[in-house]
Amino acid sequence: HAIYAIENKDYRGRIEAYNDAWFC
């Protein structure tokens, strides 16, 4: 039904995600 382009991140620790930036 679709094609998915996956970006994988192997970040360790606490992640805060906002529209402009992420904080790990």
mmCIF file of all heavy atoms, coordinates in Angstrom:
data_MODEL
# 
_entry.id   MODEL 
# 
loop_
_atom_site.group_PDB 
_atom_site.id 
_atom_site.type_symbol 
_atom_site.label_atom_id 
_atom_site.label_alt_id 
_atom_site.label_comp_id 
_atom_site.label_asym_id 
_atom_site.label_entity_id 
_atom_site.label_seq_id 
_atom_site.pdbx_PDB_ins_code 
_atom_site.Cartn_x 
_atom_site.Cartn_y 
_atom_site.Cartn_z 
_atom_site.occupancy 
_atom_site.B_iso_or_equiv 
_atom_site.pdbx_formal_charge 
_atom_site.auth_seq_id 
_atom_site.auth_comp_id 
_atom_site.auth_asym_id 
_atom_site.auth_atom_id 
_atom_site.pdbx_PDB_model_num 
ATOM 1   N N   . HIS A 1 1  ? 0.791  -1.229 0.000  1.00 0.00 ? 1  HIS A N   1 
ATOM 2   C CA  . HIS A 1 1  ? 0.000  0.000  0.000  1.00 0.00 ? 1  HIS A CA  1 
ATOM 3   C C   . HIS A 1 1  ? 0.828  1.287  0.000  1.00 0.00 ? 1  HIS A C   1 
ATOM 4   O O   . HIS A 1 1  ? 0.279  2.364  -0.222 1.00 0.00 ? 1  HIS A O   1 
ATOM 5   C CB  . HIS A 1 1  ? -0.927 0.020  1.215  1.00 0.00 ? 1  HIS A CB  1 
ATOM 6   C CG  . HIS A 1 1  ? -0.188 -0.011 2.503  1.00 0.00 ? 1  HIS A CG  1 
ATOM 7   N ND1 . HIS A 1 1  ? 0.388  -1.172 2.994  1.00 0.00 ? 1  HIS A ND1 1 
ATOM 8   C CD2 . HIS A 1 1  ? 0.113  0.957  3.383  1.00 0.00 ? 1  HIS A CD2 1 
ATOM 9   C CE1 . HIS A 1 1  ? 0.996  -0.897 4.134  1.00 0.00 ? 1  HIS A CE1 1 
ATOM 10  N NE2 . HIS A 1 1  ? 0.848  0.384  4.388  1.00 0.00 ? 1  HIS A NE2 1 
ATOM 11  N N   . ALA A 1 2  ? 2.136  1.197  0.269  1.00 0.00 ? 2  ALA A N   1 
ATOM 12  C CA  . ALA A 1 2  ? 2.961  2.403  0.377  1.00 0.00 ? 2  ALA A CA  1 
ATOM 13  C C   . ALA A 1 2  ? 4.440  2.043  0.426  1.00 0.00 ? 2  ALA A C   1 
ATOM 14  O O   . ALA A 1 2  ? 4.813  0.880  0.568  1.00 0.00 ? 2  ALA A O   1 
ATOM 15  C CB  . ALA A 1 2  ? 2.590  3.193  1.635  1.00 0.00 ? 2  ALA A CB  1 
ATOM 16  N N   . ILE A 1 3  ? 5.263  3.075  0.331  1.00 0.00 ? 3  ILE A N   1 
ATOM 17  C CA  . ILE A 1 3  ? 6.711  2.947  0.516  1.00 0.00 ? 3  ILE A CA  1 
ATOM 18  C C   . ILE A 1 3  ? 7.074  3.834  1.696  1.00 0.00 ? 3  ILE A C   1 
ATOM 19  O O   . ILE A 1 3  ? 6.653  4.987  1.759  1.00 0.00 ? 3  ILE A O   1 
ATOM 20  C CB  . ILE A 1 3  ? 7.464  3.390  -0.752 1.00 0.00 ? 3  ILE A CB  1 
ATOM 21  C CG1 . ILE A 1 3  ? 7.093  2.475  -1.923 1.00 0.00 ? 3  ILE A CG1 1 
ATOM 22  C CG2 . ILE A 1 3  ? 8.976  3.399  -0.511 1.00 0.00 ? 3  ILE A CG2 1 
ATOM 23  C CD1 . ILE A 1 3  ? 7.617  2.951  -3.258 1.00 0.00 ? 3  ILE A CD1 1 
ATOM 24  N N   . TYR A 1 4  ? 7.844  3.293  2.626  1.00 0.00 ? 4  TYR A N   1 
ATOM 25  C CA  . TYR A 1 4  ? 8.235  4.044  3.815  1.00 0.00 ? 4  TYR A CA  1 
ATOM 26  C C   . TYR A 1 4  ? 9.742  4.230  3.823  1.00 0.00 ? 4  TYR A C   1 
ATOM 27  O O   . TYR A 1 4  ? 10.489 3.255  3.733  1.00 0.00 ? 4  TYR A O   1 
ATOM 28  C CB  . TYR A 1 4  ? 7.812  3.307  5.092  1.00 0.00 ? 4  TYR A CB  1 
ATOM 29  C CG  . TYR A 1 4  ? 6.324  3.183  5.227  1.00 0.00 ? 4  TYR A CG  1 
ATOM 30  C CD1 . TYR A 1 4  ? 5.659  2.066  4.758  1.00 0.00 ? 4  TYR A CD1 1 
ATOM 31  C CD2 . TYR A 1 4  ? 5.574  4.206  5.796  1.00 0.00 ? 4  TYR A CD2 1 
ATOM 32  C CE1 . TYR A 1 4  ? 4.284  1.956  4.854  1.00 0.00 ? 4  TYR A CE1 1 
ATOM 33  C CE2 . TYR A 1 4  ? 4.199  4.104  5.900  1.00 0.00 ? 4  TYR A CE2 1 
ATOM 34  C CZ  . TYR A 1 4  ? 3.567  2.976  5.430  1.00 0.00 ? 4  TYR A CZ  1 
ATOM 35  O OH  . TYR A 1 4  ? 2.200  2.883  5.528  1.00 0.00 ? 4  TYR A OH  1 
ATOM 36  N N   . ALA A 1 5  ? 10.171 5.469  3.932  1.00 0.00 ? 5  ALA A N   1 
ATOM 37  C CA  . ALA A 1 5  ? 11.585 5.785  4.107  1.00 0.00 ? 5  ALA A CA  1 
ATOM 38  C C   . ALA A 1 5  ? 11.795 5.961  5.608  1.00 0.00 ? 5  ALA A C   1 
ATOM 39  O O   . ALA A 1 5  ? 11.216 6.853  6.223  1.00 0.00 ? 5  ALA A O   1 
ATOM 40  C CB  . ALA A 1 5  ? 11.952 7.044  3.352  1.00 0.00 ? 5  ALA A CB  1 
ATOM 41  N N   . ILE A 1 6  ? 12.595 5.091  6.186  1.00 0.00 ? 6  ILE A N   1 
ATOM 42  C CA  . ILE A 1 6  ? 12.801 5.104  7.631  1.00 0.00 ? 6  ILE A CA  1 
ATOM 43  C C   . ILE A 1 6  ? 14.165 5.694  7.958  1.00 0.00 ? 6  ILE A C   1 
ATOM 44  O O   . ILE A 1 6  ? 15.186 5.250  7.445  1.00 0.00 ? 6  ILE A O   1 
ATOM 45  C CB  . ILE A 1 6  ? 12.708 3.686  8.232  1.00 0.00 ? 6  ILE A CB  1 
ATOM 46  C CG1 . ILE A 1 6  ? 11.332 3.091  7.953  1.00 0.00 ? 6  ILE A CG1 1 
ATOM 47  C CG2 . ILE A 1 6  ? 13.006 3.711  9.725  1.00 0.00 ? 6  ILE A CG2 1 
ATOM 48  C CD1 . ILE A 1 6  ? 11.171 1.659  8.440  1.00 0.00 ? 6  ILE A CD1 1 
ATOM 49  N N   . GLU A 1 7  ? 14.151 6.683  8.819  1.00 0.00 ? 7  GLU A N   1 
ATOM 50  C CA  . GLU A 1 7  ? 15.379 7.256  9.387  1.00 0.00 ? 7  GLU A CA  1 
ATOM 51  C C   . GLU A 1 7  ? 15.495 6.657  10.782 1.00 0.00 ? 7  GLU A C   1 
ATOM 52  O O   . GLU A 1 7  ? 14.597 6.817  11.610 1.00 0.00 ? 7  GLU A O   1 
ATOM 53  C CB  . GLU A 1 7  ? 15.275 8.779  9.447  1.00 0.00 ? 7  GLU A CB  1 
ATOM 54  C CG  . GLU A 1 7  ? 16.499 9.453  9.991  1.00 0.00 ? 7  GLU A CG  1 
ATOM 55  C CD  . GLU A 1 7  ? 17.690 9.371  9.049  1.00 0.00 ? 7  GLU A CD  1 
ATOM 56  O OE1 . GLU A 1 7  ? 17.523 9.227  7.832  1.00 0.00 ? 7  GLU A OE1 1 
ATOM 57  O OE2 . GLU A 1 7  ? 18.824 9.474  9.565  1.00 0.00 ? 7  GLU A OE2 1 
ATOM 58  N N   . ASN A 1 8  ? 16.559 5.934  11.024 1.00 0.00 ? 8  ASN A N   1 
ATOM 59  C CA  . ASN A 1 8  ? 16.732 5.277  12.319 1.00 0.00 ? 8  ASN A CA  1 
ATOM 60  C C   . ASN A 1 8  ? 17.716 6.051  13.186 1.00 0.00 ? 8  ASN A C   1 
ATOM 61  O O   . ASN A 1 8  ? 18.757 6.493  12.724 1.00 0.00 ? 8  ASN A O   1 
ATOM 62  C CB  . ASN A 1 8  ? 17.244 3.844  12.131 1.00 0.00 ? 8  ASN A CB  1 
ATOM 63  C CG  . ASN A 1 8  ? 17.313 3.110  13.433 1.00 0.00 ? 8  ASN A CG  1 
ATOM 64  O OD1 . ASN A 1 8  ? 16.292 2.830  14.040 1.00 0.00 ? 8  ASN A OD1 1 
ATOM 65  N ND2 . ASN A 1 8  ? 18.520 2.820  13.889 1.00 0.00 ? 8  ASN A ND2 1 
ATOM 66  N N   . LYS A 1 9  ? 17.365 6.218  14.448 1.00 0.00 ? 9  LYS A N   1 
ATOM 67  C CA  . LYS A 1 9  ? 18.249 6.858  15.421 1.00 0.00 ? 9  LYS A CA  1 
ATOM 68  C C   . LYS A 1 9  ? 18.458 5.906  16.583 1.00 0.00 ? 9  LYS A C   1 
ATOM 69  O O   . LYS A 1 9  ? 17.515 5.338  17.122 1.00 0.00 ? 9  LYS A O   1 
ATOM 70  C CB  . LYS A 1 9  ? 17.658 8.186  15.925 1.00 0.00 ? 9  LYS A CB  1 
ATOM 71  C CG  . LYS A 1 9  ? 17.516 9.232  14.840 1.00 0.00 ? 9  LYS A CG  1 
ATOM 72  C CD  . LYS A 1 9  ? 18.856 9.569  14.226 1.00 0.00 ? 9  LYS A CD  1 
ATOM 73  C CE  . LYS A 1 9  ? 18.756 10.561 13.104 1.00 0.00 ? 9  LYS A CE  1 
ATOM 74  N NZ  . LYS A 1 9  ? 20.014 10.695 12.379 1.00 0.00 ? 9  LYS A NZ  1 
ATOM 75  N N   . ASP A 1 10 ? 19.713 5.733  16.941 1.00 0.00 ? 10 ASP A N   1 
ATOM 76  C CA  . ASP A 1 10 ? 20.081 4.830  18.032 1.00 0.00 ? 10 ASP A CA  1 
ATOM 77  C C   . ASP A 1 10 ? 20.480 5.654  19.259 1.00 0.00 ? 10 ASP A C   1 
ATOM 78  O O   . ASP A 1 10 ? 21.466 5.359  19.921 1.00 0.00 ? 10 ASP A O   1 
ATOM 79  C CB  . ASP A 1 10 ? 21.227 3.926  17.574 1.00 0.00 ? 10 ASP A CB  1 
ATOM 80  C CG  . ASP A 1 10 ? 21.423 2.717  18.482 1.00 0.00 ? 10 ASP A CG  1 
ATOM 81  O OD1 . ASP A 1 10 ? 20.468 2.331  19.171 1.00 0.00 ? 10 ASP A OD1 1 
ATOM 82  O OD2 . ASP A 1 10 ? 22.540 2.167  18.492 1.00 0.00 ? 10 ASP A OD2 1 
ATOM 83  N N   . TYR A 1 11 ? 19.716 6.715  19.521 1.00 0.00 ? 11 TYR A N   1 
ATOM 84  C CA  . TYR A 1 11 ? 20.011 7.608  20.638 1.00 0.00 ? 11 TYR A CA  1 
ATOM 85  C C   . TYR A 1 11 ? 19.787 6.893  21.962 1.00 0.00 ? 11 TYR A C   1 
ATOM 86  O O   . TYR A 1 11 ? 18.785 6.217  22.148 1.00 0.00 ? 11 TYR A O   1 
ATOM 87  C CB  . TYR A 1 11 ? 19.111 8.844  20.603 1.00 0.00 ? 11 TYR A CB  1 
ATOM 88  C CG  . TYR A 1 11 ? 19.296 9.765  19.418 1.00 0.00 ? 11 TYR A CG  1 
ATOM 89  C CD1 . TYR A 1 11 ? 18.284 10.630 19.044 1.00 0.00 ? 11 TYR A CD1 1 
ATOM 90  C CD2 . TYR A 1 11 ? 20.471 9.791  18.682 1.00 0.00 ? 11 TYR A CD2 1 
ATOM 91  C CE1 . TYR A 1 11 ? 18.432 11.504 17.978 1.00 0.00 ? 11 TYR A CE1 1 
ATOM 92  C CE2 . TYR A 1 11 ? 20.625 10.654 17.611 1.00 0.00 ? 11 TYR A CE2 1 
ATOM 93  C CZ  . TYR A 1 11 ? 19.611 11.502 17.268 1.00 0.00 ? 11 TYR A CZ  1 
ATOM 94  O OH  . TYR A 1 11 ? 19.768 12.357 16.214 1.00 0.00 ? 11 TYR A OH  1 
ATOM 95  N N   . ARG A 1 12 ? 20.705 7.117  22.881 1.00 0.00 ? 12 ARG A N   1 
ATOM 96  C CA  . ARG A 1 12 ? 20.572 6.577  24.231 1.00 0.00 ? 12 ARG A CA  1 
ATOM 97  C C   . ARG A 1 12 ? 20.285 7.725  25.185 1.00 0.00 ? 12 ARG A C   1 
ATOM 98  O O   . ARG A 1 12 ? 20.836 8.808  25.041 1.00 0.00 ? 12 ARG A O   1 
ATOM 99  C CB  . ARG A 1 12 ? 21.855 5.870  24.646 1.00 0.00 ? 12 ARG A CB  1 
ATOM 100 C CG  . ARG A 1 12 ? 22.075 4.579  23.889 1.00 0.00 ? 12 ARG A CG  1 
ATOM 101 C CD  . ARG A 1 12 ? 23.468 4.016  24.168 1.00 0.00 ? 12 ARG A CD  1 
ATOM 102 N NE  . ARG A 1 12 ? 23.720 2.804  23.424 1.00 0.00 ? 12 ARG A NE  1 
ATOM 103 C CZ  . ARG A 1 12 ? 24.014 2.746  22.135 1.00 0.00 ? 12 ARG A CZ  1 
ATOM 104 N NH1 . ARG A 1 12 ? 24.087 3.848  21.437 1.00 0.00 ? 12 ARG A NH1 1 
ATOM 105 N NH2 . ARG A 1 12 ? 24.236 1.601  21.535 1.00 0.00 ? 12 ARG A NH2 1 
ATOM 106 N N   . GLY A 1 13 ? 19.407 7.485  26.134 1.00 0.00 ? 13 GLY A N   1 
ATOM 107 C CA  . GLY A 1 13 ? 19.102 8.513  27.121 1.00 0.00 ? 13 GLY A CA  1 
ATOM 108 C C   . GLY A 1 13 ? 17.776 9.186  26.849 1.00 0.00 ? 13 GLY A C   1 
ATOM 109 O O   . GLY A 1 13 ? 16.997 8.775  26.004 1.00 0.00 ? 13 GLY A O   1 
ATOM 110 N N   . ARG A 1 14 ? 17.541 10.241 27.583 1.00 0.00 ? 14 ARG A N   1 
ATOM 111 C CA  . ARG A 1 14 ? 16.263 10.959 27.482 1.00 0.00 ? 14 ARG A CA  1 
ATOM 112 C C   . ARG A 1 14 ? 16.227 11.830 26.231 1.00 0.00 ? 14 ARG A C   1 
ATOM 113 O O   . ARG A 1 14 ? 17.154 12.585 25.950 1.00 0.00 ? 14 ARG A O   1 
ATOM 114 C CB  . ARG A 1 14 ? 16.055 11.830 28.717 1.00 0.00 ? 14 ARG A CB  1 
ATOM 115 C CG  . ARG A 1 14 ? 14.768 12.643 28.647 1.00 0.00 ? 14 ARG A CG  1 
ATOM 116 C CD  . ARG A 1 14 ? 14.406 13.276 29.971 1.00 0.00 ? 14 ARG A CD  1 
ATOM 117 N NE  . ARG A 1 14 ? 13.381 14.279 29.849 1.00 0.00 ? 14 ARG A NE  1 
ATOM 118 C CZ  . ARG A 1 14 ? 12.097 14.034 29.588 1.00 0.00 ? 14 ARG A CZ  1 
ATOM 119 N NH1 . ARG A 1 14 ? 11.692 12.806 29.413 1.00 0.00 ? 14 ARG A NH1 1 
ATOM 120 N NH2 . ARG A 1 14 ? 11.213 15.012 29.511 1.00 0.00 ? 14 ARG A NH2 1 
ATOM 121 N N   . ILE A 1 15 ? 15.126 11.726 25.498 1.00 0.00 ? 15 ILE A N   1 
ATOM 122 C CA  . ILE A 1 15 ? 14.925 12.526 24.296 1.00 0.00 ? 15 ILE A CA  1 
ATOM 123 C C   . ILE A 1 15 ? 13.731 13.437 24.515 1.00 0.00 ? 15 ILE A C   1 
ATOM 124 O O   . ILE A 1 15 ? 12.670 12.992 24.941 1.00 0.00 ? 15 ILE A O   1 
ATOM 125 C CB  . ILE A 1 15 ? 14.654 11.633 23.072 1.00 0.00 ? 15 ILE A CB  1 
ATOM 126 C CG1 . ILE A 1 15 ? 15.841 10.718 22.804 1.00 0.00 ? 15 ILE A CG1 1 
ATOM 127 C CG2 . ILE A 1 15 ? 14.348 12.491 21.846 1.00 0.00 ? 15 ILE A CG2 1 
ATOM 128 C CD1 . ILE A 1 15 ? 15.589 9.703  21.711 1.00 0.00 ? 15 ILE A CD1 1 
ATOM 129 N N   . GLU A 1 16 ? 13.940 14.724 24.235 1.00 0.00 ? 16 GLU A N   1 
ATOM 130 C CA  . GLU A 1 16 ? 12.839 15.686 24.180 1.00 0.00 ? 16 GLU A CA  1 
ATOM 131 C C   . GLU A 1 16 ? 12.718 16.091 22.724 1.00 0.00 ? 16 GLU A C   1 
ATOM 132 O O   . GLU A 1 16 ? 13.696 16.494 22.105 1.00 0.00 ? 16 GLU A O   1 
ATOM 133 C CB  . GLU A 1 16 ? 13.145 16.908 25.042 1.00 0.00 ? 16 GLU A CB  1 
ATOM 134 C CG  . GLU A 1 16 ? 13.182 16.621 26.521 1.00 0.00 ? 16 GLU A CG  1 
ATOM 135 C CD  . GLU A 1 16 ? 13.515 17.868 27.320 1.00 0.00 ? 16 GLU A CD  1 
ATOM 136 O OE1 . GLU A 1 16 ? 12.866 18.907 27.070 1.00 0.00 ? 16 GLU A OE1 1 
ATOM 137 O OE2 . GLU A 1 16 ? 14.430 17.793 28.147 1.00 0.00 ? 16 GLU A OE2 1 
ATOM 138 N N   . ALA A 1 17 ? 11.519 15.965 22.170 1.00 0.00 ? 17 ALA A N   1 
ATOM 139 C CA  . ALA A 1 17 ? 11.322 16.227 20.747 1.00 0.00 ? 17 ALA A CA  1 
ATOM 140 C C   . ALA A 1 17 ? 10.423 17.432 20.534 1.00 0.00 ? 17 ALA A C   1 
ATOM 141 O O   . ALA A 1 17 ? 9.312  17.479 21.051 1.00 0.00 ? 17 ALA A O   1 
ATOM 142 C CB  . ALA A 1 17 ? 10.720 14.997 20.085 1.00 0.00 ? 17 ALA A CB  1 
ATOM 143 N N   . TYR A 1 18 ? 10.935 18.381 19.782 1.00 0.00 ? 18 TYR A N   1 
ATOM 144 C CA  . TYR A 1 18 ? 10.192 19.570 19.397 1.00 0.00 ? 18 TYR A CA  1 
ATOM 145 C C   . TYR A 1 18 ? 10.243 19.695 17.884 1.00 0.00 ? 18 TYR A C   1 
ATOM 146 O O   . TYR A 1 18 ? 11.082 19.072 17.227 1.00 0.00 ? 18 TYR A O   1 
ATOM 147 C CB  . TYR A 1 18 ? 10.788 20.822 20.054 1.00 0.00 ? 18 TYR A CB  1 
ATOM 148 C CG  . TYR A 1 18 ? 10.817 20.723 21.554 1.00 0.00 ? 18 TYR A CG  1 
ATOM 149 C CD1 . TYR A 1 18 ? 11.992 20.372 22.219 1.00 0.00 ? 18 TYR A CD1 1 
ATOM 150 C CD2 . TYR A 1 18 ? 9.672  20.953 22.299 1.00 0.00 ? 18 TYR A CD2 1 
ATOM 151 C CE1 . TYR A 1 18 ? 12.015 20.267 23.604 1.00 0.00 ? 18 TYR A CE1 1 
ATOM 152 C CE2 . TYR A 1 18 ? 9.686  20.843 23.685 1.00 0.00 ? 18 TYR A CE2 1 
ATOM 153 C CZ  . TYR A 1 18 ? 10.864 20.497 24.324 1.00 0.00 ? 18 TYR A CZ  1 
ATOM 154 O OH  . TYR A 1 18 ? 10.874 20.385 25.685 1.00 0.00 ? 18 TYR A OH  1 
ATOM 155 N N   . ASN A 1 19 ? 9.396  20.528 17.310 1.00 0.00 ? 19 ASN A N   1 
ATOM 156 C CA  . ASN A 1 19 ? 9.355  20.653 15.857 1.00 0.00 ? 19 ASN A CA  1 
ATOM 157 C C   . ASN A 1 19 ? 10.670 21.141 15.268 1.00 0.00 ? 19 ASN A C   1 
ATOM 158 O O   . ASN A 1 19 ? 11.059 20.728 14.185 1.00 0.00 ? 19 ASN A O   1 
ATOM 159 C CB  . ASN A 1 19 ? 8.217  21.583 15.433 1.00 0.00 ? 19 ASN A CB  1 
ATOM 160 C CG  . ASN A 1 19 ? 6.865  20.934 15.622 1.00 0.00 ? 19 ASN A CG  1 
ATOM 161 O OD1 . ASN A 1 19 ? 6.753  19.715 15.638 1.00 0.00 ? 19 ASN A OD1 1 
ATOM 162 N ND2 . ASN A 1 19 ? 5.840  21.742 15.781 1.00 0.00 ? 19 ASN A ND2 1 
ATOM 163 N N   . ASP A 1 20 ? 11.364 22.022 15.947 1.00 0.00 ? 20 ASP A N   1 
ATOM 164 C CA  . ASP A 1 20 ? 12.611 22.573 15.408 1.00 0.00 ? 20 ASP A CA  1 
ATOM 165 C C   . ASP A 1 20 ? 13.840 21.748 15.754 1.00 0.00 ? 20 ASP A C   1 
ATOM 166 O O   . ASP A 1 20 ? 14.770 21.670 14.958 1.00 0.00 ? 20 ASP A O   1 
ATOM 167 C CB  . ASP A 1 20 ? 12.821 24.005 15.897 1.00 0.00 ? 20 ASP A CB  1 
ATOM 168 C CG  . ASP A 1 20 ? 11.766 24.948 15.350 1.00 0.00 ? 20 ASP A CG  1 
ATOM 169 O OD1 . ASP A 1 20 ? 11.316 24.725 14.211 1.00 0.00 ? 20 ASP A OD1 1 
ATOM 170 O OD2 . ASP A 1 20 ? 11.386 25.879 16.062 1.00 0.00 ? 20 ASP A OD2 1 
ATOM 171 N N   . ALA A 1 21 ? 13.870 21.185 16.937 1.00 0.00 ? 21 ALA A N   1 
ATOM 172 C CA  . ALA A 1 21 ? 15.068 20.460 17.370 1.00 0.00 ? 21 ALA A CA  1 
ATOM 173 C C   . ALA A 1 21 ? 14.691 19.367 18.352 1.00 0.00 ? 21 ALA A C   1 
ATOM 174 O O   . ALA A 1 21 ? 13.627 19.387 18.962 1.00 0.00 ? 21 ALA A O   1 
ATOM 175 C CB  . ALA A 1 21 ? 16.051 21.427 18.025 1.00 0.00 ? 21 ALA A CB  1 
ATOM 176 N N   . TRP A 1 22 ? 15.594 18.421 18.476 1.00 0.00 ? 22 TRP A N   1 
ATOM 177 C CA  . TRP A 1 22 ? 15.473 17.378 19.485 1.00 0.00 ? 22 TRP A CA  1 
ATOM 178 C C   . TRP A 1 22 ? 16.619 17.578 20.468 1.00 0.00 ? 22 TRP A C   1 
ATOM 179 O O   . TRP A 1 22 ? 17.690 18.094 20.109 1.00 0.00 ? 22 TRP A O   1 
ATOM 180 C CB  . TRP A 1 22 ? 15.591 15.998 18.856 1.00 0.00 ? 22 TRP A CB  1 
ATOM 181 C CG  . TRP A 1 22 ? 14.396 15.543 18.084 1.00 0.00 ? 22 TRP A CG  1 
ATOM 182 C CD1 . TRP A 1 22 ? 13.433 16.306 17.492 1.00 0.00 ? 22 TRP A CD1 1 
ATOM 183 C CD2 . TRP A 1 22 ? 14.057 14.192 17.807 1.00 0.00 ? 22 TRP A CD2 1 
ATOM 184 N NE1 . TRP A 1 22 ? 12.513 15.518 16.875 1.00 0.00 ? 22 TRP A NE1 1 
ATOM 185 C CE2 . TRP A 1 22 ? 12.864 14.212 17.046 1.00 0.00 ? 22 TRP A CE2 1 
ATOM 186 C CE3 . TRP A 1 22 ? 14.627 12.973 18.116 1.00 0.00 ? 22 TRP A CE3 1 
ATOM 187 C CZ2 . TRP A 1 22 ? 12.244 13.042 16.604 1.00 0.00 ? 22 TRP A CZ2 1 
ATOM 188 C CZ3 . TRP A 1 22 ? 14.014 11.818 17.676 1.00 0.00 ? 22 TRP A CZ3 1 
ATOM 189 C CH2 . TRP A 1 22 ? 12.830 11.856 16.936 1.00 0.00 ? 22 TRP A CH2 1 
ATOM 190 N N   . PHE A 1 23 ? 16.406 17.152 21.680 1.00 0.00 ? 23 PHE A N   1 
ATOM 191 C CA  . PHE A 1 23 ? 17.445 17.199 22.694 1.00 0.00 ? 23 PHE A CA  1 
ATOM 192 C C   . PHE A 1 23 ? 17.625 15.792 23.238 1.00 0.00 ? 23 PHE A C   1 
ATOM 193 O O   . PHE A 1 23 ? 16.679 15.177 23.713 1.00 0.00 ? 23 PHE A O   1 
ATOM 194 C CB  . PHE A 1 23 ? 17.068 18.169 23.821 1.00 0.00 ? 23 PHE A CB  1 
ATOM 195 C CG  . PHE A 1 23 ? 16.993 19.589 23.359 1.00 0.00 ? 23 PHE A CG  1 
ATOM 196 C CD1 . PHE A 1 23 ? 15.824 20.104 22.819 1.00 0.00 ? 23 PHE A CD1 1 
ATOM 197 C CD2 . PHE A 1 23 ? 18.105 20.408 23.446 1.00 0.00 ? 23 PHE A CD2 1 
ATOM 198 C CE1 . PHE A 1 23 ? 15.761 21.411 22.366 1.00 0.00 ? 23 PHE A CE1 1 
ATOM 199 C CE2 . PHE A 1 23 ? 18.049 21.719 22.994 1.00 0.00 ? 23 PHE A CE2 1 
ATOM 200 C CZ  . PHE A 1 23 ? 16.878 22.219 22.458 1.00 0.00 ? 23 PHE A CZ  1 
ATOM 201 N N   . CYS A 1 24 ? 18.828 15.282 23.118 1.00 0.00 ? 24 CYS A N   1 
ATOM 202 C CA  . CYS A 1 24 ? 19.162 13.970 23.654 1.00 0.00 ? 24 CYS A CA  1 
ATOM 203 C C   . CYS A 1 24 ? 20.152 14.191 24.786 1.00 0.00 ? 24 CYS A C   1 
ATOM 204 O O   . CYS A 1 24 ? 21.265 14.691 24.562 1.00 0.00 ? 24 CYS A O   1 
ATOM 205 C CB  . CYS A 1 24 ? 19.760 13.090 22.565 1.00 0.00 ? 24 CYS A CB  1 
ATOM 206 S SG  . CYS A 1 24 ? 20.136 11.421 23.123 1.00 0.00 ? 24 CYS A SG  1 
# 
